[in-house]
Amino acid sequence: MEKTDYAALIKEGAVVIDVRSKGEFAGGHIKNSINIPVDQLAGNLTKLKDKDKPIITCCASGMRSSTAQNILKNAGYTKVYNGGGWMSLNNKI
């Protein structure tokens, strides 16, 4: 599997979406990331207008971000990457 260069994606203007709960997000998150809990993602797609802009999903471990990745891909977003756990993702960017 090809390794994703998350730092390069960020430089290209990728949006990081943290799909953890608001409480988890408040306890720490990636700078400039957007918090949309995974169970509210489908109802908040209007916040993500450009379907061709890179999007990196993250959560605590990688499970919810994988679910979020599928929701976005099914909604027609073309460049969606599962960044996994936010702390390890933060170290990669």
N, C-alpha and C. Protein backbone atom coordinates (compact mmCIF):
# COMPACT_ATOMS: atom_id res chain seq x y z
N MET A 1 0.84 -1.19 0.00
CA MET A 1 0.00 0.00 0.00
C MET A 1 0.88 1.25 0.00
N GLU A 2 0.53 2.19 -0.83
CA GLU A 2 1.31 3.41 -0.95
C GLU A 2 1.17 4.26 0.30
N LYS A 3 2.30 4.79 0.77
CA LYS A 3 2.24 5.65 1.96
C LYS A 3 1.79 7.04 1.56
N THR A 4 0.88 7.58 2.33
CA THR A 4 0.36 8.91 2.05
C THR A 4 1.28 9.95 2.69
N ASP A 5 1.63 10.97 1.93
CA ASP A 5 2.44 12.07 2.45
C ASP A 5 1.49 13.15 2.95
N TYR A 6 1.14 13.03 4.24
CA TYR A 6 0.15 13.95 4.81
C TYR A 6 0.67 15.39 4.85
N ALA A 7 1.97 15.57 5.10
CA ALA A 7 2.54 16.92 5.14
C ALA A 7 2.38 17.60 3.79
N ALA A 8 2.60 16.85 2.70
CA ALA A 8 2.45 17.41 1.35
C ALA A 8 0.98 17.77 1.09
N LEU A 9 0.07 16.93 1.55
CA LEU A 9 -1.37 17.20 1.38
C LEU A 9 -1.76 18.49 2.09
N ILE A 10 -1.22 18.69 3.30
CA ILE A 10 -1.51 19.90 4.06
C ILE A 10 -1.00 21.12 3.30
N LYS A 11 0.19 21.00 2.74
CA LYS A 11 0.75 22.12 1.95
C LYS A 11 -0.12 22.44 0.75
N GLU A 12 -0.77 21.41 0.20
CA GLU A 12 -1.67 21.61 -0.95
C GLU A 12 -3.01 22.19 -0.53
N GLY A 13 -3.21 22.35 0.76
CA GLY A 13 -4.46 22.93 1.24
C GLY A 13 -5.47 21.93 1.72
N ALA A 14 -5.02 20.72 2.05
CA ALA A 14 -5.95 19.69 2.55
C ALA A 14 -6.61 20.16 3.84
N VAL A 15 -7.86 19.73 4.02
CA VAL A 15 -8.61 20.02 5.24
C VAL A 15 -8.51 18.79 6.14
N VAL A 16 -8.21 19.01 7.42
CA VAL A 16 -8.21 17.90 8.37
C VAL A 16 -9.55 17.93 9.11
N ILE A 17 -10.27 16.83 9.02
CA ILE A 17 -11.55 16.73 9.73
C ILE A 17 -11.39 15.72 10.86
N ASP A 18 -11.59 16.21 12.07
CA ASP A 18 -11.50 15.38 13.27
C ASP A 18 -12.91 14.92 13.60
N VAL A 19 -13.16 13.62 13.52
CA VAL A 19 -14.52 13.11 13.67
C VAL A 19 -14.81 12.57 15.07
N ARG A 20 -13.98 12.98 16.04
CA ARG A 20 -14.26 12.59 17.43
C ARG A 20 -15.36 13.47 18.01
N SER A 21 -15.78 13.17 19.23
CA SER A 21 -16.81 13.97 19.89
C SER A 21 -16.25 15.35 20.24
N LYS A 22 -17.15 16.29 20.50
CA LYS A 22 -16.72 17.65 20.84
C LYS A 22 -15.84 17.65 22.10
N GLY A 23 -16.18 16.79 23.06
CA GLY A 23 -15.40 16.70 24.29
C GLY A 23 -13.98 16.21 24.03
N GLU A 24 -13.87 15.17 23.20
CA GLU A 24 -12.55 14.65 22.85
C GLU A 24 -11.73 15.71 22.13
N PHE A 25 -12.39 16.41 21.20
CA PHE A 25 -11.72 17.44 20.41
C PHE A 25 -11.21 18.56 21.32
N ALA A 26 -12.03 18.92 22.31
CA ALA A 26 -11.66 19.99 23.25
C ALA A 26 -10.43 19.61 24.06
N GLY A 27 -10.22 18.31 24.24
CA GLY A 27 -9.08 17.83 25.02
C GLY A 27 -7.76 17.84 24.25
N GLY A 28 -7.80 18.23 22.99
CA GLY A 28 -6.59 18.28 22.18
C GLY A 28 -6.91 17.90 20.76
N HIS A 29 -6.29 18.61 19.80
CA HIS A 29 -6.55 18.32 18.39
C HIS A 29 -5.47 18.94 17.51
N ILE A 30 -5.50 18.62 16.24
CA ILE A 30 -4.56 19.17 15.28
C ILE A 30 -4.95 20.62 14.97
N LYS A 31 -3.94 21.48 14.95
CA LYS A 31 -4.16 22.90 14.66
C LYS A 31 -4.90 23.05 13.33
N ASN A 32 -5.90 23.91 13.33
CA ASN A 32 -6.71 24.22 12.14
C ASN A 32 -7.61 23.08 11.67
N SER A 33 -7.70 22.00 12.45
CA SER A 33 -8.61 20.92 12.04
C SER A 33 -10.05 21.34 12.35
N ILE A 34 -10.97 20.72 11.63
CA ILE A 34 -12.40 21.00 11.80
C ILE A 34 -13.01 19.81 12.54
N ASN A 35 -13.77 20.10 13.58
CA ASN A 35 -14.41 19.02 14.35
C ASN A 35 -15.83 18.81 13.86
N ILE A 36 -16.06 17.65 13.23
CA ILE A 36 -17.42 17.24 12.86
C ILE A 36 -17.54 15.78 13.32
N PRO A 37 -18.21 15.54 14.46
CA PRO A 37 -18.34 14.16 14.93
C PRO A 37 -18.90 13.25 13.84
N VAL A 38 -18.39 12.03 13.77
CA VAL A 38 -18.73 11.12 12.67
C VAL A 38 -20.24 10.92 12.53
N ASP A 39 -20.96 10.90 13.65
CA ASP A 39 -22.41 10.68 13.57
C ASP A 39 -23.15 11.91 13.03
N GLN A 40 -22.45 13.05 12.91
CA GLN A 40 -23.07 14.28 12.38
C GLN A 40 -22.51 14.63 11.00
N LEU A 41 -21.56 13.83 10.51
CA LEU A 41 -20.86 14.17 9.27
C LEU A 41 -21.81 14.26 8.07
N ALA A 42 -22.64 13.27 7.89
CA ALA A 42 -23.53 13.25 6.72
C ALA A 42 -24.43 14.49 6.67
N GLY A 43 -24.79 15.03 7.83
CA GLY A 43 -25.65 16.21 7.88
C GLY A 43 -24.89 17.52 7.78
N ASN A 44 -23.56 17.45 7.74
CA ASN A 44 -22.75 18.67 7.71
C ASN A 44 -21.89 18.79 6.46
N LEU A 45 -22.24 18.07 5.41
CA LEU A 45 -21.43 18.08 4.20
C LEU A 45 -21.39 19.44 3.52
N THR A 46 -22.35 20.32 3.85
CA THR A 46 -22.35 21.66 3.26
C THR A 46 -21.13 22.45 3.70
N LYS A 47 -20.51 22.06 4.83
CA LYS A 47 -19.30 22.74 5.30
C LYS A 47 -18.11 22.41 4.40
N LEU A 48 -18.23 21.35 3.62
CA LEU A 48 -17.15 20.89 2.75
C LEU A 48 -17.60 21.05 1.30
N LYS A 49 -17.49 22.27 0.82
CA LYS A 49 -18.07 22.59 -0.48
C LYS A 49 -17.31 22.00 -1.67
N ASP A 50 -15.98 21.99 -1.59
CA ASP A 50 -15.17 21.56 -2.73
C ASP A 50 -14.93 20.05 -2.67
N LYS A 51 -15.59 19.31 -3.55
CA LYS A 51 -15.49 17.84 -3.50
C LYS A 51 -14.16 17.33 -4.04
N ASP A 52 -13.35 18.22 -4.65
CA ASP A 52 -12.05 17.79 -5.19
C ASP A 52 -10.89 18.24 -4.32
N LYS A 53 -11.18 18.92 -3.21
CA LYS A 53 -10.13 19.36 -2.29
C LYS A 53 -9.74 18.18 -1.41
N PRO A 54 -8.43 17.99 -1.17
CA PRO A 54 -8.03 16.85 -0.32
C PRO A 54 -8.60 16.99 1.10
N ILE A 55 -9.09 15.88 1.62
CA ILE A 55 -9.62 15.84 2.99
C ILE A 55 -8.93 14.70 3.72
N ILE A 56 -8.45 14.99 4.92
CA ILE A 56 -7.83 13.96 5.76
C ILE A 56 -8.73 13.78 6.97
N THR A 57 -9.20 12.58 7.21
CA THR A 57 -10.04 12.32 8.38
C THR A 57 -9.16 11.77 9.50
N CYS A 58 -9.49 12.11 10.74
CA CYS A 58 -8.78 11.54 11.88
C CYS A 58 -9.73 11.40 13.06
N CYS A 59 -9.34 10.56 14.00
CA CYS A 59 -10.13 10.37 15.22
C CYS A 59 -9.17 9.98 16.34
N ALA A 60 -9.57 9.06 17.21
CA ALA A 60 -8.68 8.65 18.28
C ALA A 60 -7.77 7.50 17.84
N SER A 61 -8.35 6.52 17.14
CA SER A 61 -7.58 5.33 16.78
C SER A 61 -7.53 5.02 15.29
N GLY A 62 -8.49 5.52 14.55
CA GLY A 62 -8.55 5.21 13.12
C GLY A 62 -9.84 4.53 12.70
N MET A 63 -10.64 4.09 13.66
CA MET A 63 -11.90 3.41 13.34
C MET A 63 -12.95 4.39 12.81
N ARG A 64 -13.21 5.44 13.57
CA ARG A 64 -14.24 6.41 13.15
C ARG A 64 -13.79 7.17 11.91
N SER A 65 -12.48 7.43 11.80
CA SER A 65 -12.01 8.17 10.61
C SER A 65 -12.18 7.32 9.36
N SER A 66 -12.11 5.99 9.50
CA SER A 66 -12.34 5.09 8.37
C SER A 66 -13.81 5.16 7.95
N THR A 67 -14.70 5.18 8.94
CA THR A 67 -16.13 5.32 8.67
C THR A 67 -16.40 6.65 7.97
N ALA A 68 -15.77 7.71 8.48
CA ALA A 68 -15.94 9.04 7.90
C ALA A 68 -15.43 9.09 6.46
N GLN A 69 -14.32 8.41 6.22
CA GLN A 69 -13.76 8.36 4.87
C GLN A 69 -14.79 7.75 3.91
N ASN A 70 -15.43 6.67 4.34
CA ASN A 70 -16.44 6.01 3.50
C ASN A 70 -17.65 6.90 3.26
N ILE A 71 -18.09 7.63 4.30
CA ILE A 71 -19.23 8.55 4.16
C ILE A 71 -18.91 9.60 3.10
N LEU A 72 -17.70 10.17 3.18
CA LEU A 72 -17.31 11.22 2.24
C LEU A 72 -17.16 10.69 0.82
N LYS A 73 -16.53 9.53 0.69
CA LYS A 73 -16.37 8.95 -0.65
C LYS A 73 -17.72 8.64 -1.27
N ASN A 74 -18.63 8.11 -0.47
CA ASN A 74 -19.97 7.80 -0.97
C ASN A 74 -20.74 9.06 -1.35
N ALA A 75 -20.36 10.20 -0.76
CA ALA A 75 -21.03 11.47 -1.05
C ALA A 75 -20.37 12.17 -2.25
N GLY A 76 -19.36 11.53 -2.85
CA GLY A 76 -18.77 12.09 -4.05
C GLY A 76 -17.47 12.87 -3.88
N TYR A 77 -16.91 12.85 -2.67
CA TYR A 77 -15.62 13.52 -2.46
C TYR A 77 -14.53 12.62 -3.05
N THR A 78 -13.60 13.24 -3.80
CA THR A 78 -12.67 12.44 -4.59
C THR A 78 -11.33 12.15 -3.92
N LYS A 79 -10.87 13.04 -3.03
CA LYS A 79 -9.54 12.87 -2.42
C LYS A 79 -9.66 12.80 -0.91
N VAL A 80 -10.10 11.65 -0.41
CA VAL A 80 -10.30 11.49 1.03
C VAL A 80 -9.28 10.50 1.56
N TYR A 81 -8.55 10.90 2.59
CA TYR A 81 -7.51 10.06 3.17
C TYR A 81 -7.82 9.82 4.63
N ASN A 82 -7.67 8.58 5.07
CA ASN A 82 -7.85 8.27 6.49
C ASN A 82 -6.52 8.49 7.18
N GLY A 83 -6.45 9.54 7.98
CA GLY A 83 -5.21 9.86 8.71
C GLY A 83 -5.05 9.04 9.98
N GLY A 84 -6.09 8.29 10.36
CA GLY A 84 -6.01 7.45 11.57
C GLY A 84 -6.11 8.28 12.84
N GLY A 85 -5.37 7.87 13.86
CA GLY A 85 -5.39 8.58 15.14
C GLY A 85 -4.80 9.97 15.00
N TRP A 86 -5.43 10.95 15.63
CA TRP A 86 -5.01 12.34 15.45
C TRP A 86 -3.61 12.61 15.97
N MET A 87 -3.20 11.92 17.04
CA MET A 87 -1.87 12.19 17.60
C MET A 87 -0.76 11.72 16.65
N SER A 88 -0.93 10.54 16.08
CA SER A 88 0.09 10.06 15.15
C SER A 88 0.06 10.89 13.87
N LEU A 89 -1.13 11.30 13.44
CA LEU A 89 -1.24 12.15 12.25
C LEU A 89 -0.54 13.48 12.49
N ASN A 90 -0.74 14.03 13.69
CA ASN A 90 -0.13 15.32 14.04
C ASN A 90 1.40 15.23 13.92
N ASN A 91 1.96 14.09 14.25
CA ASN A 91 3.41 13.90 14.15
C ASN A 91 3.88 13.80 12.71
N LYS A 92 2.97 13.44 11.81
CA LYS A 92 3.34 13.26 10.39
C LYS A 92 3.25 14.56 9.60
N ILE A 93 2.59 15.56 10.20
CA ILE A 93 2.43 16.82 9.46
C ILE A 93 3.21 17.91 10.16
